Amino acid sequence: MVSRVIPVDPFDLVIFGGTGDLARRKIIPGLFRRFCSGQMPPEAQIIGAARSEMTDAEFRIFTAEAIAEFGGSAVVEDGMLDAFLDRVGYVVIDAKGEGGWKELSARVRDNLVHAFYFSVAPSLFGDLAERLHEHGLAGDEARIVVEKPFGKDLESARALNAVLEKHFDEHQIYRIDHYLGKETVQNLMAVRFGNVLFEPLWNAQYVDHIQITVAETVGVGGRGSYYDQSGAMRDMVQNHLMQLLCLIAMEPPAKFEPDAVRDEKLKVIRALEPVEPHHIVRGQYAATDTASGYRQDVENLRSFTESFMALKVHISNWRWAGTPFYLRTGKKLKARTSEIVVVFKDAPHSIFGVDAGRHRNVLAIRLQPNEGMTLDVTIKEPGPGGMRLVDVPLDMSFAEALGPDAEQATEAYERLIMDVIRGNQTLFMRGDEVEAAWAWTDPIIEGWIRRSDVPKTYDPGGAGPEDALVLMHRDGRRWRELKA
């Protein structure tokens, strides 16, 4: 199945932090794939901007090496790489001073879409926004893309929004969360609002509970200094898991338009109830005979920062009153997987008797790896001997169902960057949405600091602390098993 590619209008894209890890691993390879697919017009221009002393030719070598290492296995026609590199340039820039800004202004062309990707530390966002405005680069066709973290609490998020909005209107600000660019995440809306089969059942009357899991097998790696100041709550729950929760729980928007979708997401966040202390589990992976623990990885042997979080959450509205949402994320767990599991209630009455057992439908939406969906349905077990019921999955892997192009279609960054060029903010967070998420998150963090809670240790390669299992077991439920 070949996906339909719609070219975008000519644009100039400036990547601040153009020699950084994110640009090398994600942004540049993603742009090259869009170029190879025919989505990038011949007039497009990509400008790397960073402190490193580098010429255009040297940056093109950097770009070619990034594509070779992270561009994927797609077949590329002869001459495509050279054609792409012809559109690439570089400017040495000083985010806090005047160095390089006149040259950048001269390279950015008039009467085109101007996208400025802030692939830099958040402390530089305000400086870049101010310099762009001072040098006449913040016009109506300008868009800025900012990476998380969008602050570290409500106060800092408000301050960040204020400094960005001082120089750019809200419709020009694209707060990017790559999770929202995943094919399966967008399919949440298609599954819910495009199928009469599901939407009538998508409420507390029929849904027993919902699980949202984002599990990683790796530790903090080279992010130790950042992560120890952040933790799983700020790094994952407040943004990634919150966005998944909003998409799974929101009301149908009147139209599939940016502000209509984001209005409904905001209503979900504002309807979240405060979380009781006994509904919060924090964990920290321990050291083993062969591997270092969290505290060794972050070089802070007195750290109380969590590498695992589990929460039981309720939404106070008519659709979801009484239905719990269980959120779970952590590092050094058994498997790398991100999924949403919708567990429907038992049938109100079984005509098959107690020997048939309890059976319920389960919709599992897998975000990574092997993006796809399964729906567990109850059937009769084949063979003689009476009515024995079993649950079997209706399984759809995107790669199998949609053909070899499906894997390429699931690259999140390239889709989101093209949405920036189009001016489509549907999959980007709005300022009030970010602030509402922090307003809910801050009391949870302040609560465990006030109580002097200490994270529970857990063995690497498992499912997290024992308390996370208890969180579900005392409700008569259990987490879906982590599978690679």
Protein backbone atom coordinates (compact mmCIF):
# COMPACT_ATOMS: atom_id res chain seq x y z
CA MET A 1 0.00 0.00 0.00
CA VAL A 2 1.63 3.27 -1.12
CA SER A 3 0.79 6.30 1.01
CA ARG A 4 -0.37 9.46 -0.69
CA VAL A 5 2.20 12.25 -0.35
CA ILE A 6 1.09 15.87 -0.50
CA PRO A 7 3.91 18.34 -1.20
CA VAL A 8 4.22 21.35 1.06
CA ASP A 9 4.82 24.94 -0.01
CA PRO A 10 8.40 26.23 -0.36
CA PHE A 11 10.00 26.97 3.01
CA ASP A 12 13.15 27.88 4.89
CA LEU A 13 13.86 25.71 7.93
CA VAL A 14 16.52 26.85 10.39
CA ILE A 15 17.69 24.23 12.90
CA PHE A 16 19.20 25.93 15.95
CA GLY A 17 21.43 23.30 17.49
CA GLY A 18 21.92 21.92 13.99
CA THR A 19 25.04 19.96 15.00
CA GLY A 20 23.42 18.43 18.08
CA ASP A 21 22.30 14.87 18.76
CA LEU A 22 18.60 15.43 18.04
CA ALA A 23 19.34 17.06 14.69
CA ARG A 24 21.74 14.25 13.77
CA ARG A 25 19.52 11.36 14.82
CA LYS A 26 16.02 12.58 14.03
CA ILE A 27 15.54 15.94 12.33
CA ILE A 28 18.00 15.68 9.43
CA PRO A 29 17.26 12.02 8.56
CA GLY A 30 13.52 12.76 8.77
CA LEU A 31 13.82 15.70 6.39
CA PHE A 32 15.79 13.57 3.96
CA ARG A 33 13.07 10.90 3.96
CA ARG A 34 10.46 13.56 3.23
CA PHE A 35 12.64 14.83 0.39
CA CYS A 36 12.96 11.32 -1.08
CA SER A 37 9.19 10.85 -0.86
CA GLY A 38 8.59 13.95 -2.98
CA GLN A 39 7.04 15.98 -0.16
CA MET A 40 9.77 18.62 0.01
CA PRO A 41 9.64 21.14 -2.86
CA PRO A 42 12.79 21.97 -4.88
CA GLU A 43 12.79 25.52 -3.46
CA ALA A 44 13.09 24.33 0.16
CA GLN A 45 16.16 25.42 2.12
CA ILE A 46 17.56 23.89 5.34
CA ILE A 47 20.00 25.93 7.42
CA GLY A 48 21.90 24.51 10.37
CA ALA A 49 22.79 27.06 13.04
CA ALA A 50 25.03 26.43 16.03
CA ARG A 51 28.11 27.68 17.90
CA SER A 52 30.47 25.21 16.20
CA GLU A 53 32.77 26.72 13.62
CA MET A 54 31.76 25.02 10.40
CA THR A 55 31.42 25.88 6.70
CA ASP A 56 28.54 24.97 4.41
CA ALA A 57 30.66 22.19 2.93
CA GLU A 58 31.54 20.79 6.34
CA PHE A 59 27.91 20.84 7.47
CA ARG A 60 26.93 18.97 4.31
CA ILE A 61 29.44 16.28 5.23
CA PHE A 62 27.91 16.19 8.75
CA THR A 63 24.45 15.92 7.16
CA ALA A 64 25.47 13.10 4.82
CA GLU A 65 26.99 11.14 7.71
CA ALA A 66 23.84 11.60 9.80
CA ILE A 67 21.70 10.29 6.96
CA ALA A 68 24.01 7.33 6.40
CA GLU A 69 23.84 6.38 10.08
CA PHE A 70 20.23 7.16 10.96
CA GLY A 71 18.38 7.50 7.65
CA GLY A 72 16.91 4.01 7.74
CA SER A 73 16.93 1.25 5.19
CA ALA A 74 14.76 2.88 2.54
CA VAL A 75 15.99 2.53 -1.03
CA VAL A 76 17.27 5.90 -2.26
CA GLU A 77 17.53 6.74 -5.93
CA ASP A 78 20.88 7.77 -7.37
CA GLY A 79 21.52 11.47 -7.01
CA MET A 80 18.92 12.04 -4.27
CA LEU A 81 21.49 12.64 -1.55
CA ASP A 82 23.41 15.16 -3.63
CA ALA A 83 20.17 16.93 -4.54
CA PHE A 84 19.21 17.12 -0.88
CA LEU A 85 22.63 18.42 0.17
CA ASP A 86 22.32 21.22 -2.41
CA ARG A 87 19.52 22.60 -0.23
CA VAL A 88 21.57 22.53 2.98
CA GLY A 89 23.65 25.38 4.45
CA TYR A 90 25.13 26.49 7.76
CA VAL A 91 25.55 29.62 9.86
CA VAL A 92 27.68 30.03 12.97
CA ILE A 93 25.34 31.64 15.49
CA ASP A 94 25.53 33.11 18.99
CA ALA A 95 22.16 32.65 20.69
CA LYS A 96 22.93 35.21 23.39
CA GLY A 97 24.88 37.73 21.28
CA GLU A 98 24.89 39.29 17.83
CA GLY A 99 27.29 36.90 16.11
CA GLY A 100 25.86 35.36 12.92
CA TRP A 101 22.43 36.97 12.99
CA LYS A 102 22.98 39.33 10.06
CA GLU A 103 24.20 36.42 7.93
CA LEU A 104 21.20 34.31 8.96
CA SER A 105 18.81 37.16 8.14
CA ALA A 106 20.40 37.47 4.71
CA ARG A 107 19.94 33.76 4.01
CA VAL A 108 16.28 33.54 5.08
CA ARG A 109 14.21 34.48 2.05
CA ASP A 110 11.18 36.76 1.89
CA ASN A 111 7.61 35.62 1.11
CA LEU A 112 8.17 32.03 2.28
CA VAL A 113 7.26 30.01 5.36
CA HIS A 114 10.06 30.41 7.92
CA ALA A 115 10.33 27.60 10.49
CA PHE A 116 12.85 27.88 13.32
CA TYR A 117 13.51 24.64 15.20
CA PHE A 118 14.85 25.26 18.74
CA SER A 119 16.84 22.04 19.15
CA VAL A 120 18.72 23.58 22.08
CA ALA A 121 18.52 23.79 25.88
CA PRO A 122 15.28 25.44 27.11
CA SER A 123 17.38 28.16 28.76
CA LEU A 124 18.10 29.49 25.25
CA PHE A 125 14.48 29.60 24.02
CA GLY A 126 13.91 33.16 25.20
CA ASP A 127 17.22 34.41 23.76
CA LEU A 128 16.49 32.87 20.37
CA ALA A 129 12.94 34.25 20.29
CA GLU A 130 14.23 37.72 21.17
CA ARG A 131 16.98 37.64 18.52
CA LEU A 132 14.57 36.45 15.82
CA HIS A 133 12.24 39.32 16.65
CA GLU A 134 15.03 41.91 16.74
CA HIS A 135 16.32 40.87 13.34
CA GLY A 136 12.95 40.92 11.61
CA LEU A 137 12.53 37.15 11.43
CA ALA A 138 9.33 36.92 13.50
CA GLY A 139 6.84 37.91 10.81
CA ASP A 140 3.44 36.38 10.08
CA GLU A 141 4.94 33.42 8.19
CA ALA A 142 7.40 32.57 10.97
CA ARG A 143 6.91 29.49 13.17
CA ILE A 144 9.07 28.35 16.08
CA VAL A 145 9.36 24.73 17.23
CA VAL A 146 10.28 24.12 20.87
CA GLU A 147 11.21 20.79 22.44
CA LYS A 148 10.26 19.63 25.91
CA PRO A 149 10.71 20.16 28.77
CA PHE A 150 8.20 23.00 28.70
CA GLY A 151 9.26 24.19 32.13
CA LYS A 152 9.85 22.15 35.27
CA ASP A 153 6.74 23.32 37.14
CA LEU A 154 3.77 25.66 36.69
CA GLU A 155 5.75 28.79 37.53
CA SER A 156 8.54 28.08 35.02
CA ALA A 157 6.04 27.00 32.35
CA ARG A 158 4.19 30.30 32.70
CA ALA A 159 7.48 32.19 32.50
CA LEU A 160 8.49 30.27 29.36
CA ASN A 161 5.12 30.87 27.71
CA ALA A 162 5.36 34.56 28.57
CA VAL A 163 8.80 35.01 27.00
CA LEU A 164 7.79 33.15 23.82
CA GLU A 165 4.49 34.99 23.52
CA LYS A 166 6.29 38.30 23.93
CA HIS A 167 7.77 37.83 20.47
CA PHE A 168 5.44 35.32 18.76
CA ASP A 169 1.67 34.75 18.71
CA GLU A 170 0.35 31.45 20.04
CA HIS A 171 -0.50 30.25 16.52
CA GLN A 172 3.21 30.57 15.66
CA ILE A 173 4.46 28.43 18.57
CA TYR A 174 4.75 24.66 18.05
CA ARG A 175 5.48 22.75 21.27
CA ILE A 176 6.57 19.40 19.92
CA ASP A 177 6.01 16.04 21.62
CA HIS A 178 7.22 13.33 19.26
CA TYR A 179 4.79 10.82 20.80
CA LEU A 180 1.92 12.67 19.15
CA GLY A 181 3.52 12.12 15.73
CA LYS A 182 3.40 8.34 16.00
CA GLU A 183 1.01 6.70 13.57
CA THR A 184 -0.74 4.70 16.27
CA VAL A 185 -1.28 7.73 18.51
CA GLN A 186 -3.09 9.49 15.70
CA ASN A 187 -5.04 6.31 15.08
CA LEU A 188 -6.53 6.64 18.56
CA MET A 189 -8.80 9.32 17.15
CA ALA A 190 -9.52 7.31 14.01
CA VAL A 191 -10.42 4.21 16.02
CA ARG A 192 -12.64 6.13 18.41
CA PHE A 193 -14.36 8.60 16.14
CA GLY A 194 -14.29 6.71 12.83
CA ASN A 195 -15.84 3.44 14.01
CA VAL A 196 -19.37 3.16 15.32
CA LEU A 197 -18.26 -0.12 16.90
CA PHE A 198 -16.21 1.60 19.62
CA GLU A 199 -17.47 5.09 20.41
CA PRO A 200 -20.82 4.01 21.97
CA LEU A 201 -18.86 1.76 24.36
CA TRP A 202 -16.14 4.29 25.18
CA ASN A 203 -17.37 5.30 28.63
CA ALA A 204 -17.66 4.25 32.26
CA GLN A 205 -20.72 2.09 31.61
CA TYR A 206 -18.74 -0.39 29.52
CA VAL A 207 -15.04 0.20 30.32
CA ASP A 208 -13.69 -1.36 33.51
CA HIS A 209 -10.34 0.45 33.44
CA ILE A 210 -7.62 1.75 31.14
CA GLN A 211 -3.86 1.17 31.40
CA ILE A 212 -1.23 3.39 29.80
CA THR A 213 2.32 2.03 29.86
CA VAL A 214 5.58 3.47 28.53
CA ALA A 215 8.38 1.10 29.53
CA GLU A 216 12.07 1.23 28.66
CA THR A 217 14.81 -1.37 29.03
CA VAL A 218 17.63 1.19 29.21
CA GLY A 219 18.74 3.30 32.17
CA VAL A 220 19.29 7.04 32.20
CA GLY A 221 22.39 6.71 29.99
CA GLY A 222 24.12 10.00 29.27
CA ARG A 223 21.14 12.03 30.54
CA GLY A 224 21.99 11.50 34.20
CA SER A 225 22.52 15.12 35.22
CA TYR A 226 19.29 16.24 33.52
CA TYR A 227 17.24 13.24 34.58
CA ASP A 228 18.15 13.50 38.26
CA GLN A 229 16.67 17.00 38.29
CA SER A 230 13.58 15.80 36.48
CA GLY A 231 12.60 12.20 37.22
CA ALA A 232 9.95 10.04 35.60
CA MET A 233 7.10 12.31 36.69
CA ARG A 234 8.40 15.42 34.96
CA ASP A 235 10.17 13.64 32.10
CA MET A 236 7.36 11.27 31.06
CA VAL A 237 4.09 11.52 32.98
CA GLN A 238 3.52 15.27 32.74
CA ASN A 239 3.84 15.26 28.95
CA HIS A 240 3.96 11.92 27.08
CA LEU A 241 1.54 9.96 29.27
CA MET A 242 -0.64 13.02 29.82
CA GLN A 243 -1.07 13.44 26.08
CA LEU A 244 -1.98 9.79 25.63
CA LEU A 245 -4.48 10.08 28.47
CA CYS A 246 -6.07 13.11 26.84
CA LEU A 247 -6.45 11.44 23.45
CA ILE A 248 -7.95 8.29 24.92
CA ALA A 249 -10.34 10.13 27.25
CA MET A 250 -11.40 13.32 25.43
CA GLU A 251 -14.83 14.05 24.02
CA PRO A 252 -15.34 14.07 20.23
CA PRO A 253 -14.32 17.49 18.88
CA ALA A 254 -16.81 19.22 16.60
CA LYS A 255 -14.24 19.11 13.79
CA PHE A 256 -10.77 17.68 13.29
CA GLU A 257 -9.18 21.10 13.62
CA PRO A 258 -6.27 22.20 15.83
CA ASP A 259 -8.07 24.25 18.44
CA ALA A 260 -11.15 22.01 18.50
CA VAL A 261 -8.97 18.99 19.34
CA ARG A 262 -6.85 20.88 21.84
CA ASP A 263 -9.91 22.35 23.56
CA GLU A 264 -11.16 18.83 24.29
CA LYS A 265 -7.73 17.70 25.54
CA LEU A 266 -7.62 20.69 27.88
CA LYS A 267 -11.02 19.73 29.34
CA VAL A 268 -9.63 16.29 30.26
CA ILE A 269 -6.63 17.76 32.08
CA ARG A 270 -8.83 20.18 34.01
CA ALA A 271 -11.16 17.31 34.99
CA LEU A 272 -8.35 15.22 36.54
CA GLU A 273 -8.89 14.65 40.24
CA PRO A 274 -6.07 15.18 42.76
CA VAL A 275 -4.19 11.90 43.27
CA GLU A 276 -4.27 10.30 46.71
CA PRO A 277 -0.86 9.40 48.21
CA HIS A 278 -1.72 5.67 48.30
CA HIS A 279 -2.38 5.84 44.54
CA ILE A 280 1.22 6.92 43.82
CA VAL A 281 4.18 4.53 43.44
CA ARG A 282 7.72 5.77 42.86
CA GLY A 283 10.63 3.49 42.16
CA GLN A 284 14.36 3.55 41.52
CA TYR A 285 16.25 0.75 39.77
CA ALA A 286 18.83 -0.97 41.96
CA ALA A 287 22.39 -2.04 41.26
CA THR A 288 23.19 -5.67 40.47
CA ASP A 289 26.37 -7.72 40.48
CA THR A 290 26.87 -6.88 36.79
CA ALA A 291 25.30 -3.45 36.35
CA SER A 292 25.16 -0.10 38.10
CA GLY A 293 22.02 1.20 39.75
CA TYR A 294 20.23 4.52 39.24
CA ARG A 295 22.25 6.37 41.87
CA GLN A 296 25.53 5.28 40.33
CA ASP A 297 24.30 6.23 36.84
CA VAL A 298 23.43 9.77 37.91
CA GLU A 299 26.49 10.03 40.19
CA ASN A 300 24.36 10.97 43.18
CA LEU A 301 24.38 8.30 45.88
CA ARG A 302 21.80 10.21 47.96
CA SER A 303 19.32 10.75 45.13
CA PHE A 304 15.61 10.31 45.83
CA THR A 305 14.61 10.93 42.20
CA GLU A 306 12.32 8.31 40.69
CA SER A 307 13.12 6.26 37.59
CA PHE A 308 9.67 4.59 37.79
CA MET A 309 6.18 5.99 38.31
CA ALA A 310 2.80 4.36 38.63
CA LEU A 311 -0.40 6.28 39.30
CA LYS A 312 -4.09 5.58 39.66
CA VAL A 313 -5.99 8.51 38.20
CA HIS A 314 -9.66 9.47 37.98
CA ILE A 315 -11.40 11.92 35.64
CA SER A 316 -14.37 13.81 37.06
CA ASN A 317 -16.79 14.00 34.18
CA TRP A 318 -19.88 12.17 32.99
CA ARG A 319 -18.06 9.92 30.54
CA TRP A 320 -15.45 8.54 32.93
CA ALA A 321 -16.80 8.92 36.48
CA GLY A 322 -15.70 5.85 38.46
CA THR A 323 -13.40 4.41 35.79
CA PRO A 324 -9.75 4.33 36.90
CA PHE A 325 -6.84 5.09 34.61
CA TYR A 326 -3.58 3.40 35.58
CA LEU A 327 -0.41 5.10 34.32
CA ARG A 328 2.99 3.41 34.40
CA THR A 329 6.43 4.34 33.11
CA GLY A 330 9.95 3.36 34.04
CA LYS A 331 13.50 2.60 33.04
CA LYS A 332 15.38 -0.73 33.09
CA LEU A 333 12.17 -2.73 32.89
CA LYS A 334 11.55 -6.11 31.31
CA ALA A 335 10.67 -4.88 27.82
CA ARG A 336 10.62 -1.74 25.72
CA THR A 337 6.98 -1.13 25.00
CA SER A 338 4.45 1.67 24.85
CA GLU A 339 0.80 0.74 24.79
CA ILE A 340 -2.70 1.72 25.81
CA VAL A 341 -4.96 -1.06 27.05
CA VAL A 342 -8.73 -0.58 27.25
CA VAL A 343 -10.25 -3.32 29.41
CA PHE A 344 -13.99 -3.64 28.95
CA LYS A 345 -16.32 -4.91 31.65
CA ASP A 346 -17.55 -8.48 31.91
CA ALA A 347 -20.78 -9.38 30.21
CA PRO A 348 -23.59 -8.61 32.68
CA HIS A 349 -24.73 -12.25 32.63
CA SER A 350 -23.07 -15.44 31.40
CA ILE A 351 -25.34 -18.09 29.92
CA PHE A 352 -22.47 -20.61 29.92
CA GLY A 353 -22.12 -21.14 33.68
CA VAL A 354 -19.23 -20.73 36.07
CA ASP A 355 -17.10 -23.39 34.36
CA ALA A 356 -16.77 -21.17 31.31
CA GLY A 357 -14.81 -18.66 33.39
CA ARG A 358 -14.77 -14.87 33.28
CA HIS A 359 -14.02 -13.32 29.91
CA ARG A 360 -13.78 -9.73 28.84
CA ASN A 361 -12.83 -7.85 25.70
CA VAL A 362 -9.50 -6.04 25.74
CA LEU A 363 -8.36 -3.50 23.14
CA ALA A 364 -4.56 -3.06 23.17
CA ILE A 365 -3.13 -0.20 21.13
CA ARG A 366 0.62 -0.66 20.73
CA LEU A 367 2.67 2.45 20.05
CA GLN A 368 6.10 0.80 19.98
CA PRO A 369 7.61 -1.44 18.90
CA ASN A 370 5.63 -3.14 16.09
CA GLU A 371 2.89 -0.53 16.01
CA GLY A 372 -0.58 -1.97 15.75
CA MET A 373 -3.69 -3.04 17.63
CA THR A 374 -5.17 -6.23 19.05
CA LEU A 375 -8.73 -6.86 20.21
CA ASP A 376 -9.30 -9.87 22.46
CA VAL A 377 -12.64 -11.51 21.72
CA THR A 378 -14.23 -14.55 23.35
CA ILE A 379 -14.90 -17.69 21.30
CA LYS A 380 -15.56 -21.38 21.89
CA GLU A 381 -12.44 -23.47 22.25
CA PRO A 382 -12.35 -25.94 19.33
CA GLY A 383 -13.08 -29.60 20.05
CA PRO A 384 -15.65 -31.74 21.85
CA GLY A 385 -16.39 -31.73 25.53
CA GLY A 386 -18.83 -28.94 26.07
CA MET A 387 -18.77 -25.17 25.85
CA ARG A 388 -15.29 -24.04 26.86
CA LEU A 389 -14.58 -20.38 26.22
CA VAL A 390 -11.21 -18.85 25.36
CA ASP A 391 -10.00 -15.36 24.48
CA VAL A 392 -8.25 -14.92 21.15
CA PRO A 393 -6.79 -11.74 19.64
CA LEU A 394 -7.82 -10.07 16.42
CA ASP A 395 -4.36 -8.79 15.54
CA MET A 396 -3.40 -5.95 13.20
CA SER A 397 0.22 -5.05 12.79
CA PHE A 398 0.61 -1.90 10.70
CA ALA A 399 3.57 -3.34 8.81
CA GLU A 400 1.60 -6.46 7.84
CA ALA A 401 -1.75 -4.80 7.19
CA LEU A 402 -0.56 -1.73 5.30
CA GLY A 403 2.47 -3.12 3.50
CA PRO A 404 6.17 -2.25 3.51
CA ASP A 405 5.54 1.51 3.37
CA ALA A 406 3.89 1.39 6.81
CA GLU A 407 7.15 1.35 8.72
CA GLN A 408 8.35 4.44 6.90
CA ALA A 409 5.01 6.12 7.51
CA THR A 410 5.44 5.89 11.28
CA GLU A 411 8.41 8.26 11.65
CA ALA A 412 7.14 10.87 14.08
CA TYR A 413 9.54 13.78 13.68
CA GLU A 414 9.26 14.05 9.93
CA ARG A 415 5.47 14.12 10.08
CA LEU A 416 5.45 16.78 12.77
CA ILE A 417 7.97 18.97 10.94
CA MET A 418 5.81 18.86 7.82
CA ASP A 419 2.81 19.85 9.95
CA VAL A 420 4.79 22.88 11.11
CA ILE A 421 5.40 23.89 7.50
CA ARG A 422 1.69 23.46 6.73
CA GLY A 423 0.71 25.50 9.78
CA ASN A 424 -1.26 22.59 11.31
CA GLN A 425 -1.05 22.69 15.13
CA THR A 426 -3.37 19.74 15.85
CA LEU A 427 -0.58 17.50 17.17
CA PHE A 428 1.20 20.24 19.15
CA MET A 429 0.57 21.38 22.71
CA ARG A 430 -0.99 24.76 23.37
CA GLY A 431 0.28 27.06 26.11
CA ASP A 432 -2.78 26.73 28.36
CA GLU A 433 -2.63 22.96 27.96
CA VAL A 434 0.97 22.88 29.22
CA GLU A 435 0.10 25.07 32.20
CA ALA A 436 -2.94 22.95 33.10
CA ALA A 437 -0.80 19.79 33.06
CA TRP A 438 1.70 21.37 35.46
CA ALA A 439 -1.11 22.64 37.68
CA TRP A 440 -2.18 19.01 38.16
CA THR A 441 1.37 17.62 38.44
CA ASP A 442 2.87 20.12 40.91
CA PRO A 443 0.75 19.11 43.96
CA ILE A 444 1.69 15.46 43.43
CA ILE A 445 5.41 16.28 43.47
CA GLU A 446 5.03 18.73 46.36
CA GLY A 447 3.15 16.05 48.30
CA TRP A 448 5.88 13.43 48.19
CA ILE A 449 8.52 16.06 48.99
CA ARG A 450 6.50 17.17 52.01
CA ARG A 451 6.03 13.56 53.15
CA SER A 452 9.74 12.79 52.56
CA ASP A 453 8.74 9.77 50.48
CA VAL A 454 11.61 7.58 49.32
CA PRO A 455 11.38 5.67 46.00
CA LYS A 456 11.08 1.89 46.30
CA THR A 457 13.99 -0.01 44.76
CA TYR A 458 13.31 -2.55 42.05
CA ASP A 459 15.40 -5.10 40.21
CA PRO A 460 16.31 -4.29 36.61
CA GLY A 461 14.60 -6.44 34.01
CA GLY A 462 11.32 -6.77 35.91
CA ALA A 463 8.00 -4.94 36.05
CA GLY A 464 8.99 -2.31 38.59
CA PRO A 465 8.49 -2.09 42.38
CA GLU A 466 6.22 -4.57 44.13
CA ASP A 467 4.06 -1.66 45.26
CA ALA A 468 3.07 -1.04 41.62
CA LEU A 469 1.63 -4.56 41.45
CA VAL A 470 -0.19 -3.99 44.73
CA LEU A 471 -1.69 -0.76 43.32
CA MET A 472 -3.62 -2.92 40.87
CA HIS A 473 -4.09 -6.07 42.98
CA ARG A 474 -5.98 -4.31 45.75
CA ASP A 475 -8.53 -3.27 43.10
CA GLY A 476 -8.80 -6.86 41.86
CA ARG A 477 -6.93 -6.00 38.66
CA ARG A 478 -3.49 -6.64 37.24
CA TRP A 479 -1.10 -4.95 34.86
CA ARG A 480 -0.83 -6.31 31.35
CA GLU A 481 2.41 -8.27 31.10
CA LEU A 482 5.36 -6.41 29.59
CA LYS A 483 6.35 -8.09 26.34
CA ALA A 484 9.10 -7.18 23.94
